[in-house]
């Protein structure tokens, strides 16, 4: 039986993991931790995919990369993650046209410890579900979305929810940045 998914209001687990940040020889890897976004006073969006070298995953990763400036403009650290190793991440980035120019880290949770703490490991293969977490600068989970393995997520919706959370106001259904929030 799977663990319960860590959800809204919980503290995001502490982690220190190797990530792929570059294709430049000698600068491929960087250790990233849960303190990076907190120390910088930034929000964090961490999105997970099941496996490298698959079909739905690169469409999502490329779409997040197209919006990397949108996350940066919102003082948000964007991190992609899976349970594959940093070496598999690097090989995939080198092999896939849409992944060579990624501008955010690909976190390697090879021990599966972070995915397990989050409760997002698929029971049979022990790979991560397509989970997305929005975490505030204090390390508290403010939004979680988990998709079945076969369905890609909507990056625009992640940005919309991030915008709404950052208003710290009541936002109605389908609210978009720039629209009025609800008065109490």
N, C-alpha and C. Protein backbone atom coordinates (compact mmCIF):
# COMPACT_ATOMS: atom_id res chain seq x y z
N UNK A 1 0.83 -1.18 0.00
CA UNK A 1 0.00 0.00 0.00
C UNK A 1 0.88 1.25 0.00
N UNK A 2 0.52 2.25 -0.78
CA UNK A 2 1.30 3.47 -0.92
C UNK A 2 1.14 4.37 0.30
N UNK A 3 2.17 5.18 0.53
CA UNK A 3 2.07 6.20 1.57
C UNK A 3 1.03 7.23 1.17
N UNK A 4 0.52 7.96 2.14
CA UNK A 4 -0.37 9.07 1.83
C UNK A 4 0.44 10.19 1.19
N UNK A 5 -0.17 10.87 0.24
CA UNK A 5 0.51 11.97 -0.44
C UNK A 5 0.58 13.16 0.52
N UNK A 6 1.78 13.69 0.67
CA UNK A 6 1.98 14.87 1.49
C UNK A 6 1.24 16.01 0.81
N UNK A 7 0.45 16.74 1.56
CA UNK A 7 -0.47 17.69 0.94
C UNK A 7 -0.37 19.09 1.52
N UNK A 8 -1.32 19.91 1.14
CA UNK A 8 -1.38 21.32 1.49
C UNK A 8 -1.31 21.51 3.00
N UNK A 9 -0.46 22.45 3.41
CA UNK A 9 -0.30 22.77 4.83
C UNK A 9 0.85 22.06 5.50
N UNK A 10 1.33 20.98 4.87
CA UNK A 10 2.47 20.24 5.43
C UNK A 10 3.77 20.94 5.05
N UNK A 11 4.79 20.70 5.85
CA UNK A 11 6.11 21.22 5.50
C UNK A 11 6.71 20.30 4.44
N UNK A 12 7.29 20.91 3.40
CA UNK A 12 7.95 20.12 2.36
C UNK A 12 9.17 19.46 3.00
N UNK A 13 9.41 18.18 2.73
CA UNK A 13 10.53 17.47 3.39
C UNK A 13 11.89 18.09 3.06
N UNK A 14 12.79 18.00 4.01
CA UNK A 14 14.17 18.42 3.77
C UNK A 14 14.82 17.46 2.80
N UNK A 15 15.64 17.99 1.91
CA UNK A 15 16.35 17.14 0.96
C UNK A 15 17.67 17.79 0.56
N UNK A 16 18.59 16.96 0.11
CA UNK A 16 19.86 17.39 -0.46
C UNK A 16 20.16 16.36 -1.54
N UNK A 17 20.04 16.77 -2.79
CA UNK A 17 20.15 15.83 -3.92
C UNK A 17 21.02 16.41 -5.02
N UNK A 18 21.62 15.53 -5.80
CA UNK A 18 22.38 15.94 -6.97
C UNK A 18 21.41 16.22 -8.11
N UNK A 19 21.70 17.28 -8.85
CA UNK A 19 20.87 17.62 -10.00
C UNK A 19 21.76 17.91 -11.20
N UNK A 20 21.17 17.79 -12.37
CA UNK A 20 21.86 18.13 -13.61
C UNK A 20 21.47 19.57 -13.95
N UNK A 21 22.48 20.41 -14.14
CA UNK A 21 22.23 21.82 -14.41
C UNK A 21 22.87 22.32 -15.70
N UNK A 22 23.70 21.49 -16.34
CA UNK A 22 24.43 21.95 -17.52
C UNK A 22 24.90 20.75 -18.36
N UNK A 23 25.18 21.02 -19.61
CA UNK A 23 25.80 20.01 -20.46
C UNK A 23 27.31 20.25 -20.57
N UNK A 24 27.79 21.34 -20.00
CA UNK A 24 29.21 21.71 -20.06
C UNK A 24 30.04 20.75 -19.21
N UNK A 25 31.04 20.14 -19.83
CA UNK A 25 31.88 19.16 -19.14
C UNK A 25 32.50 19.78 -17.89
N UNK A 26 32.34 19.10 -16.76
CA UNK A 26 32.87 19.56 -15.50
C UNK A 26 31.88 20.40 -14.70
N UNK A 27 30.81 20.87 -15.34
CA UNK A 27 29.80 21.69 -14.66
C UNK A 27 28.40 21.11 -14.77
N UNK A 28 28.33 19.80 -15.05
CA UNK A 28 27.03 19.16 -15.28
C UNK A 28 26.17 19.08 -14.01
N UNK A 29 26.81 18.88 -12.88
CA UNK A 29 26.08 18.53 -11.67
C UNK A 29 26.17 19.60 -10.59
N UNK A 30 25.11 19.70 -9.81
CA UNK A 30 25.05 20.65 -8.71
C UNK A 30 24.19 20.05 -7.61
N UNK A 31 24.64 20.19 -6.37
CA UNK A 31 23.85 19.68 -5.26
C UNK A 31 22.84 20.75 -4.85
N UNK A 32 21.58 20.36 -4.84
CA UNK A 32 20.50 21.29 -4.51
C UNK A 32 19.82 20.80 -3.23
N UNK A 33 19.36 21.75 -2.43
CA UNK A 33 18.72 21.35 -1.17
C UNK A 33 17.43 22.12 -0.95
N UNK A 34 16.67 21.65 0.02
CA UNK A 34 15.41 22.28 0.38
C UNK A 34 15.63 23.68 0.94
N UNK A 35 16.84 23.98 1.38
CA UNK A 35 17.13 25.30 1.93
C UNK A 35 17.40 26.35 0.87
N UNK A 36 17.67 25.94 -0.37
CA UNK A 36 18.02 26.89 -1.42
C UNK A 36 16.93 27.95 -1.64
N UNK A 37 15.68 27.52 -1.75
CA UNK A 37 14.63 28.49 -2.01
C UNK A 37 14.28 29.28 -0.75
N UNK A 38 14.36 28.64 0.40
CA UNK A 38 14.04 29.34 1.66
C UNK A 38 15.06 30.43 1.95
N UNK A 39 16.35 30.10 1.79
CA UNK A 39 17.42 31.07 2.06
C UNK A 39 17.30 32.29 1.13
N UNK A 40 16.82 32.04 -0.09
CA UNK A 40 16.66 33.13 -1.07
C UNK A 40 15.32 33.85 -0.91
N UNK A 41 14.46 33.36 -0.02
CA UNK A 41 13.14 33.96 0.16
C UNK A 41 12.23 33.76 -1.04
N UNK A 42 12.43 32.64 -1.75
CA UNK A 42 11.67 32.37 -2.97
C UNK A 42 10.64 31.26 -2.77
N UNK A 43 9.68 31.25 -3.65
CA UNK A 43 8.76 30.12 -3.76
C UNK A 43 9.49 29.01 -4.50
N UNK A 44 8.94 27.80 -4.46
CA UNK A 44 9.51 26.68 -5.21
C UNK A 44 8.38 25.92 -5.88
N UNK A 45 8.59 25.60 -7.15
CA UNK A 45 7.73 24.65 -7.85
C UNK A 45 8.60 23.46 -8.19
N UNK A 46 8.21 22.29 -7.66
CA UNK A 46 8.91 21.06 -7.98
C UNK A 46 7.91 20.14 -8.68
N UNK A 47 8.29 19.75 -9.90
CA UNK A 47 7.42 18.83 -10.64
C UNK A 47 8.17 17.54 -10.91
N UNK A 48 7.45 16.43 -10.80
CA UNK A 48 8.02 15.09 -10.92
C UNK A 48 7.49 14.42 -12.18
N UNK A 49 8.33 13.61 -12.79
CA UNK A 49 7.90 12.76 -13.90
C UNK A 49 8.36 11.33 -13.61
N UNK A 50 7.71 10.34 -14.24
CA UNK A 50 8.00 8.94 -13.92
C UNK A 50 9.38 8.44 -14.35
N UNK A 51 9.72 8.62 -15.63
CA UNK A 51 10.96 8.02 -16.15
C UNK A 51 11.55 8.88 -17.25
N UNK A 52 12.87 8.93 -17.29
CA UNK A 52 13.56 9.55 -18.42
C UNK A 52 13.43 8.63 -19.64
N UNK A 53 13.69 9.17 -20.80
CA UNK A 53 13.64 8.44 -22.07
C UNK A 53 12.25 7.84 -22.33
N UNK A 54 11.22 8.61 -22.00
CA UNK A 54 9.84 8.19 -22.27
C UNK A 54 9.17 9.24 -23.14
N UNK A 55 7.86 9.19 -23.27
CA UNK A 55 7.19 9.96 -24.31
C UNK A 55 6.43 11.19 -23.82
N UNK A 56 5.64 11.07 -22.76
CA UNK A 56 4.89 12.22 -22.24
C UNK A 56 5.82 13.17 -21.49
N UNK A 57 6.77 12.62 -20.76
CA UNK A 57 7.65 13.40 -19.90
C UNK A 57 8.37 14.55 -20.62
N UNK A 58 9.00 14.32 -21.78
CA UNK A 58 9.72 15.44 -22.39
C UNK A 58 8.79 16.57 -22.85
N UNK A 59 7.53 16.24 -23.17
CA UNK A 59 6.60 17.31 -23.57
C UNK A 59 6.36 18.24 -22.39
N UNK A 60 6.24 17.68 -21.20
CA UNK A 60 6.03 18.49 -20.00
C UNK A 60 7.29 19.28 -19.64
N UNK A 61 8.42 18.62 -19.65
CA UNK A 61 9.68 19.26 -19.27
C UNK A 61 9.98 20.43 -20.22
N UNK A 62 9.78 20.21 -21.51
CA UNK A 62 10.01 21.28 -22.50
C UNK A 62 9.04 22.43 -22.28
N UNK A 63 7.79 22.14 -21.92
CA UNK A 63 6.81 23.19 -21.69
C UNK A 63 7.16 24.00 -20.44
N UNK A 64 7.61 23.34 -19.38
CA UNK A 64 8.06 24.08 -18.20
C UNK A 64 9.24 24.98 -18.58
N UNK A 65 10.15 24.47 -19.42
CA UNK A 65 11.31 25.25 -19.83
C UNK A 65 10.90 26.49 -20.63
N UNK A 66 9.86 26.37 -21.44
CA UNK A 66 9.37 27.53 -22.21
C UNK A 66 8.88 28.63 -21.27
N UNK A 67 8.49 28.26 -20.06
CA UNK A 67 7.94 29.21 -19.10
C UNK A 67 8.89 29.52 -17.94
N UNK A 68 10.17 29.19 -18.11
CA UNK A 68 11.12 29.38 -17.02
C UNK A 68 11.18 30.85 -16.58
N UNK A 69 11.05 31.78 -17.53
CA UNK A 69 11.06 33.21 -17.19
C UNK A 69 9.83 33.58 -16.37
N UNK A 70 8.69 32.96 -16.68
CA UNK A 70 7.46 33.23 -15.91
C UNK A 70 7.66 32.87 -14.44
N UNK A 71 8.34 31.75 -14.19
CA UNK A 71 8.61 31.34 -12.81
C UNK A 71 9.63 32.28 -12.17
N UNK A 72 10.66 32.62 -12.91
CA UNK A 72 11.68 33.54 -12.41
C UNK A 72 11.07 34.90 -12.06
N UNK A 73 10.20 35.41 -12.92
CA UNK A 73 9.52 36.68 -12.67
C UNK A 73 8.68 36.65 -11.40
N UNK A 74 8.29 35.46 -10.96
CA UNK A 74 7.47 35.29 -9.76
C UNK A 74 8.31 34.87 -8.55
N UNK A 75 9.62 35.12 -8.63
CA UNK A 75 10.54 34.75 -7.55
C UNK A 75 10.37 33.30 -7.13
N UNK A 76 10.33 32.42 -8.13
CA UNK A 76 10.07 31.01 -7.90
C UNK A 76 11.19 30.16 -8.48
N UNK A 77 11.73 29.29 -7.65
CA UNK A 77 12.74 28.33 -8.08
C UNK A 77 12.01 27.14 -8.71
N UNK A 78 12.30 26.84 -9.95
CA UNK A 78 11.69 25.72 -10.67
C UNK A 78 12.65 24.54 -10.64
N UNK A 79 12.15 23.38 -10.22
CA UNK A 79 12.97 22.17 -10.16
C UNK A 79 12.18 21.01 -10.76
N UNK A 80 12.78 20.31 -11.71
CA UNK A 80 12.20 19.08 -12.23
C UNK A 80 12.84 17.91 -11.50
N UNK A 81 12.10 16.81 -11.34
CA UNK A 81 12.64 15.68 -10.57
C UNK A 81 12.08 14.35 -11.04
N UNK A 82 12.89 13.32 -10.90
CA UNK A 82 12.43 11.94 -11.06
C UNK A 82 13.34 11.05 -10.24
N UNK A 83 13.04 9.76 -10.24
CA UNK A 83 13.85 8.82 -9.47
C UNK A 83 15.02 8.27 -10.29
N UNK A 84 15.19 8.77 -11.51
CA UNK A 84 16.35 8.37 -12.31
C UNK A 84 17.62 9.03 -11.76
N UNK A 85 18.78 8.49 -12.12
CA UNK A 85 20.05 9.04 -11.63
C UNK A 85 20.43 10.29 -12.41
N UNK A 86 21.35 11.04 -11.84
CA UNK A 86 21.86 12.23 -12.53
C UNK A 86 22.53 11.86 -13.85
N UNK A 87 23.09 10.67 -13.95
CA UNK A 87 23.76 10.25 -15.18
C UNK A 87 22.75 9.94 -16.28
N UNK A 88 21.61 9.37 -15.90
CA UNK A 88 20.53 9.13 -16.86
C UNK A 88 19.94 10.47 -17.30
N UNK A 89 19.74 11.39 -16.34
CA UNK A 89 19.25 12.74 -16.69
C UNK A 89 20.18 13.40 -17.71
N UNK A 90 21.48 13.33 -17.46
CA UNK A 90 22.45 13.96 -18.35
C UNK A 90 22.41 13.32 -19.73
N UNK A 91 22.39 12.00 -19.78
CA UNK A 91 22.32 11.30 -21.08
C UNK A 91 21.06 11.68 -21.84
N UNK A 92 19.94 11.79 -21.14
CA UNK A 92 18.67 12.16 -21.79
C UNK A 92 18.73 13.58 -22.32
N UNK A 93 19.29 14.49 -21.52
CA UNK A 93 19.43 15.88 -21.99
C UNK A 93 20.29 15.96 -23.24
N UNK A 94 21.37 15.19 -23.27
CA UNK A 94 22.25 15.19 -24.44
C UNK A 94 21.56 14.58 -25.66
N UNK A 95 20.70 13.59 -25.42
CA UNK A 95 20.06 12.83 -26.49
C UNK A 95 18.81 13.51 -27.06
N UNK A 96 18.10 14.30 -26.28
CA UNK A 96 16.78 14.82 -26.69
C UNK A 96 16.86 16.30 -27.04
N UNK A 97 16.51 16.64 -28.27
CA UNK A 97 16.59 18.03 -28.75
C UNK A 97 15.89 19.02 -27.83
N UNK A 98 14.72 18.66 -27.32
CA UNK A 98 13.94 19.58 -26.50
C UNK A 98 14.50 19.76 -25.09
N UNK A 99 15.48 18.94 -24.70
CA UNK A 99 15.98 19.00 -23.32
C UNK A 99 17.39 19.57 -23.20
N UNK A 100 18.07 19.76 -24.32
CA UNK A 100 19.46 20.23 -24.26
C UNK A 100 19.58 21.61 -23.61
N UNK A 101 18.64 22.49 -23.88
CA UNK A 101 18.74 23.86 -23.38
C UNK A 101 17.97 24.14 -22.11
N UNK A 102 17.74 23.13 -21.28
CA UNK A 102 16.97 23.35 -20.05
C UNK A 102 17.64 24.40 -19.17
N UNK A 103 16.81 25.23 -18.57
CA UNK A 103 17.29 26.32 -17.73
C UNK A 103 16.93 26.12 -16.26
N UNK A 104 16.59 24.90 -15.89
CA UNK A 104 16.29 24.58 -14.49
C UNK A 104 16.91 23.22 -14.18
N UNK A 105 17.16 22.96 -12.89
CA UNK A 105 17.80 21.69 -12.52
C UNK A 105 16.87 20.49 -12.67
N UNK A 106 17.48 19.36 -13.04
CA UNK A 106 16.80 18.06 -13.07
C UNK A 106 17.32 17.28 -11.86
N UNK A 107 16.51 17.22 -10.82
CA UNK A 107 16.90 16.58 -9.56
C UNK A 107 16.85 15.06 -9.71
N UNK A 108 17.87 14.40 -9.16
CA UNK A 108 17.96 12.94 -9.20
C UNK A 108 17.68 12.38 -7.81
N UNK A 109 16.53 11.75 -7.66
CA UNK A 109 16.16 11.13 -6.38
C UNK A 109 16.38 9.63 -6.49
N UNK A 110 17.64 9.24 -6.68
CA UNK A 110 17.98 7.83 -6.94
C UNK A 110 17.64 6.93 -5.76
N UNK A 111 17.70 7.45 -4.54
CA UNK A 111 17.34 6.66 -3.37
C UNK A 111 15.82 6.54 -3.23
N UNK A 112 15.09 7.36 -3.97
CA UNK A 112 13.63 7.42 -3.94
C UNK A 112 13.12 7.90 -2.58
N UNK A 113 14.00 8.42 -1.76
CA UNK A 113 13.63 8.84 -0.40
C UNK A 113 12.71 10.05 -0.40
N UNK A 114 12.98 11.03 -1.26
CA UNK A 114 12.12 12.21 -1.30
C UNK A 114 10.76 11.87 -1.88
N UNK A 115 10.73 11.13 -2.98
CA UNK A 115 9.46 10.71 -3.57
C UNK A 115 8.65 9.88 -2.57
N UNK A 116 9.34 9.05 -1.81
CA UNK A 116 8.65 8.23 -0.81
C UNK A 116 8.07 9.10 0.31
N UNK A 117 8.86 10.07 0.80
CA UNK A 117 8.36 10.98 1.84
C UNK A 117 7.16 11.78 1.34
N UNK A 118 7.18 12.15 0.06
CA UNK A 118 6.06 12.89 -0.53
C UNK A 118 4.85 12.00 -0.76
N UNK A 119 5.07 10.68 -0.77
CA UNK A 119 3.97 9.73 -0.98
C UNK A 119 3.56 9.61 -2.43
N UNK A 120 4.50 9.85 -3.35
CA UNK A 120 4.16 9.86 -4.78
C UNK A 120 4.79 8.72 -5.58
N UNK A 121 5.24 7.67 -4.89
CA UNK A 121 5.79 6.51 -5.61
C UNK A 121 4.68 5.58 -6.06
N UNK A 122 4.69 5.25 -7.32
CA UNK A 122 3.74 4.28 -7.86
C UNK A 122 4.08 2.92 -7.24
N UNK A 123 3.08 2.16 -6.87
CA UNK A 123 3.26 0.95 -6.07
C UNK A 123 4.10 -0.13 -6.74
N UNK A 124 3.85 -0.44 -8.01
CA UNK A 124 4.52 -1.56 -8.65
C UNK A 124 5.96 -1.27 -9.07
N UNK A 125 6.17 -0.21 -9.85
CA UNK A 125 7.51 0.07 -10.37
C UNK A 125 8.34 0.97 -9.48
N UNK A 126 7.70 1.57 -8.46
CA UNK A 126 8.40 2.50 -7.56
C UNK A 126 9.00 3.67 -8.34
N UNK A 127 8.20 4.21 -9.27
CA UNK A 127 8.55 5.43 -9.98
C UNK A 127 7.59 6.52 -9.53
N UNK A 128 7.98 7.76 -9.71
CA UNK A 128 7.15 8.87 -9.24
C UNK A 128 5.95 9.10 -10.15
N UNK A 129 4.83 9.43 -9.54
CA UNK A 129 3.69 9.92 -10.31
C UNK A 129 4.02 11.32 -10.83
N UNK A 130 3.20 11.83 -11.73
CA UNK A 130 3.35 13.19 -12.25
C UNK A 130 2.80 14.16 -11.20
N UNK A 131 3.61 14.44 -10.21
CA UNK A 131 3.19 15.31 -9.11
C UNK A 131 3.82 16.69 -9.27
N UNK A 132 3.07 17.70 -8.89
CA UNK A 132 3.56 19.08 -8.90
C UNK A 132 3.27 19.69 -7.53
N UNK A 133 4.29 20.30 -6.97
CA UNK A 133 4.17 20.96 -5.67
C UNK A 133 4.51 22.43 -5.81
N UNK A 134 3.67 23.30 -5.22
CA UNK A 134 4.02 24.70 -5.05
C UNK A 134 4.27 24.88 -3.56
N UNK A 135 5.47 25.38 -3.24
CA UNK A 135 5.92 25.52 -1.85
C UNK A 135 6.26 26.99 -1.60
N UNK A 136 5.75 27.53 -0.50
CA UNK A 136 6.01 28.95 -0.22
C UNK A 136 7.42 29.15 0.35
N UNK A 137 7.86 30.40 0.50
CA UNK A 137 9.23 30.66 0.97
C UNK A 137 9.53 30.13 2.37
N UNK A 138 8.49 29.80 3.14
CA UNK A 138 8.71 29.23 4.47
C UNK A 138 8.78 27.70 4.43
N UNK A 139 8.63 27.11 3.24
CA UNK A 139 8.73 25.66 3.10
C UNK A 139 7.42 24.92 3.29
N UNK A 140 6.30 25.63 3.26
CA UNK A 140 4.99 25.01 3.44
C UNK A 140 4.36 24.72 2.07
N UNK A 141 3.86 23.51 1.91
CA UNK A 141 3.19 23.13 0.66
C UNK A 141 1.87 23.89 0.57
N UNK A 142 1.69 24.61 -0.54
CA UNK A 142 0.48 25.41 -0.71
C UNK A 142 -0.43 24.85 -1.80
N UNK A 143 0.10 23.96 -2.66
CA UNK A 143 -0.71 23.37 -3.73
C UNK A 143 -0.04 22.08 -4.18
N UNK A 144 -0.86 21.06 -4.43
CA UNK A 144 -0.37 19.78 -4.94
C UNK A 144 -1.30 19.32 -6.05
N UNK A 145 -0.71 18.81 -7.11
CA UNK A 145 -1.50 18.19 -8.17
C UNK A 145 -0.78 16.91 -8.57
N UNK A 146 -1.54 15.83 -8.69
CA UNK A 146 -0.94 14.54 -9.06
C UNK A 146 -1.75 13.94 -10.20
N UNK A 147 -1.05 13.63 -11.29
CA UNK A 147 -1.69 13.02 -12.46
C UNK A 147 -1.31 11.56 -12.56
N UNK A 148 -2.17 10.79 -13.20
CA UNK A 148 -1.85 9.42 -13.54
C UNK A 148 -0.62 9.42 -14.45
N UNK A 149 0.05 8.30 -14.53
CA UNK A 149 1.28 8.21 -15.32
C UNK A 149 1.08 8.57 -16.79
N UNK A 150 -0.11 8.34 -17.33
CA UNK A 150 -0.32 8.52 -18.78
C UNK A 150 -0.77 9.92 -19.18
N UNK A 151 -0.99 10.82 -18.21
CA UNK A 151 -1.56 12.13 -18.54
C UNK A 151 -0.61 13.26 -18.15
N UNK A 152 -0.25 14.07 -19.14
CA UNK A 152 0.60 15.22 -18.88
C UNK A 152 -0.16 16.34 -18.19
N UNK A 153 0.59 17.20 -17.52
CA UNK A 153 -0.04 18.29 -16.77
C UNK A 153 -0.12 19.57 -17.58
N UNK A 154 -0.79 20.59 -17.05
CA UNK A 154 -0.98 21.88 -17.69
C UNK A 154 -0.11 22.92 -16.98
N UNK A 155 0.97 23.34 -17.63
CA UNK A 155 1.91 24.28 -17.03
C UNK A 155 1.24 25.63 -16.78
N UNK A 156 0.34 26.04 -17.68
CA UNK A 156 -0.38 27.29 -17.50
C UNK A 156 -1.19 27.30 -16.22
N UNK A 157 -1.76 26.16 -15.85
CA UNK A 157 -2.52 26.06 -14.61
C UNK A 157 -1.61 26.18 -13.39
N UNK A 158 -0.41 25.63 -13.47
CA UNK A 158 0.55 25.76 -12.36
C UNK A 158 0.88 27.24 -12.15
N UNK A 159 1.11 27.96 -13.23
CA UNK A 159 1.42 29.40 -13.14
C UNK A 159 0.21 30.17 -12.61
N UNK A 160 -0.99 29.83 -13.07
CA UNK A 160 -2.20 30.50 -12.61
C UNK A 160 -2.37 30.33 -11.11
N UNK A 161 -2.18 29.11 -10.60
CA UNK A 161 -2.33 28.86 -9.17
C UNK A 161 -1.23 29.58 -8.39
N UNK A 162 -0.01 29.57 -8.90
CA UNK A 162 1.08 30.29 -8.25
C UNK A 162 0.74 31.77 -8.13
N UNK A 163 0.24 32.36 -9.22
CA UNK A 163 -0.18 33.77 -9.19
C UNK A 163 -1.23 34.00 -8.12
N UNK A 164 -2.22 33.13 -8.06
CA UNK A 164 -3.30 33.27 -7.09
C UNK A 164 -2.77 33.17 -5.66
N UNK A 165 -1.91 32.19 -5.41
CA UNK A 165 -1.34 32.03 -4.07
C UNK A 165 -0.52 33.25 -3.67
N UNK A 166 0.19 33.82 -4.62
CA UNK A 166 1.04 34.96 -4.31
C UNK A 166 0.26 36.24 -4.05
N UNK A 167 -1.02 36.29 -4.43
CA UNK A 167 -1.82 37.48 -4.10
C UNK A 167 -2.12 37.52 -2.61
N UNK A 168 -2.15 36.34 -1.97
CA UNK A 168 -2.52 36.20 -0.57
C UNK A 168 -3.93 36.75 -0.32
N UNK A 169 -4.78 36.64 -1.37
CA UNK A 169 -6.17 37.10 -1.29
C UNK A 169 -7.08 35.97 -1.78
N UNK A 170 -8.38 36.17 -1.68
CA UNK A 170 -9.34 35.19 -2.18
C UNK A 170 -9.49 35.34 -3.69
N UNK A 171 -9.27 34.26 -4.41
CA UNK A 171 -9.33 34.29 -5.87
C UNK A 171 -10.45 33.36 -6.35
N UNK A 172 -11.38 33.88 -7.15
CA UNK A 172 -12.49 33.05 -7.62
C UNK A 172 -12.06 32.02 -8.66
N UNK A 173 -12.98 31.15 -8.98
CA UNK A 173 -12.78 30.13 -10.01
C UNK A 173 -12.29 30.78 -11.31
N UNK A 174 -11.31 30.16 -11.94
CA UNK A 174 -10.74 30.60 -13.22
C UNK A 174 -10.07 31.96 -13.16
N UNK A 175 -9.77 32.44 -11.95
CA UNK A 175 -9.11 33.74 -11.78
C UNK A 175 -7.80 33.75 -12.56
N UNK A 176 -7.50 34.89 -13.17
CA UNK A 176 -6.24 35.08 -13.88
C UNK A 176 -5.54 36.32 -13.32
N UNK A 177 -4.23 36.33 -13.37
CA UNK A 177 -3.44 37.46 -12.89
C UNK A 177 -3.95 38.75 -13.52
N UNK A 178 -4.11 39.76 -12.70
CA UNK A 178 -4.61 41.05 -13.19
C UNK A 178 -6.09 41.27 -12.96
N UNK A 179 -6.82 40.17 -12.74
CA UNK A 179 -8.23 40.28 -12.47
C UNK A 179 -8.46 40.61 -11.00
N UNK A 180 -9.66 41.11 -10.70
CA UNK A 180 -10.01 41.46 -9.33
C UNK A 180 -10.10 40.19 -8.48
N UNK A 181 -9.66 40.33 -7.24
CA UNK A 181 -9.85 39.26 -6.26
C UNK A 181 -11.15 39.53 -5.53
N UNK A 182 -11.55 38.63 -4.66
CA UNK A 182 -12.83 38.78 -3.95
C UNK A 182 -12.65 39.60 -2.69
N UNK A 183 -13.57 40.55 -2.50
CA UNK A 183 -13.57 41.34 -1.27
C UNK A 183 -14.38 40.58 -0.23
N UNK A 184 -13.94 40.63 0.99
CA UNK A 184 -14.63 39.93 2.05
C UNK A 184 -15.63 40.85 2.74
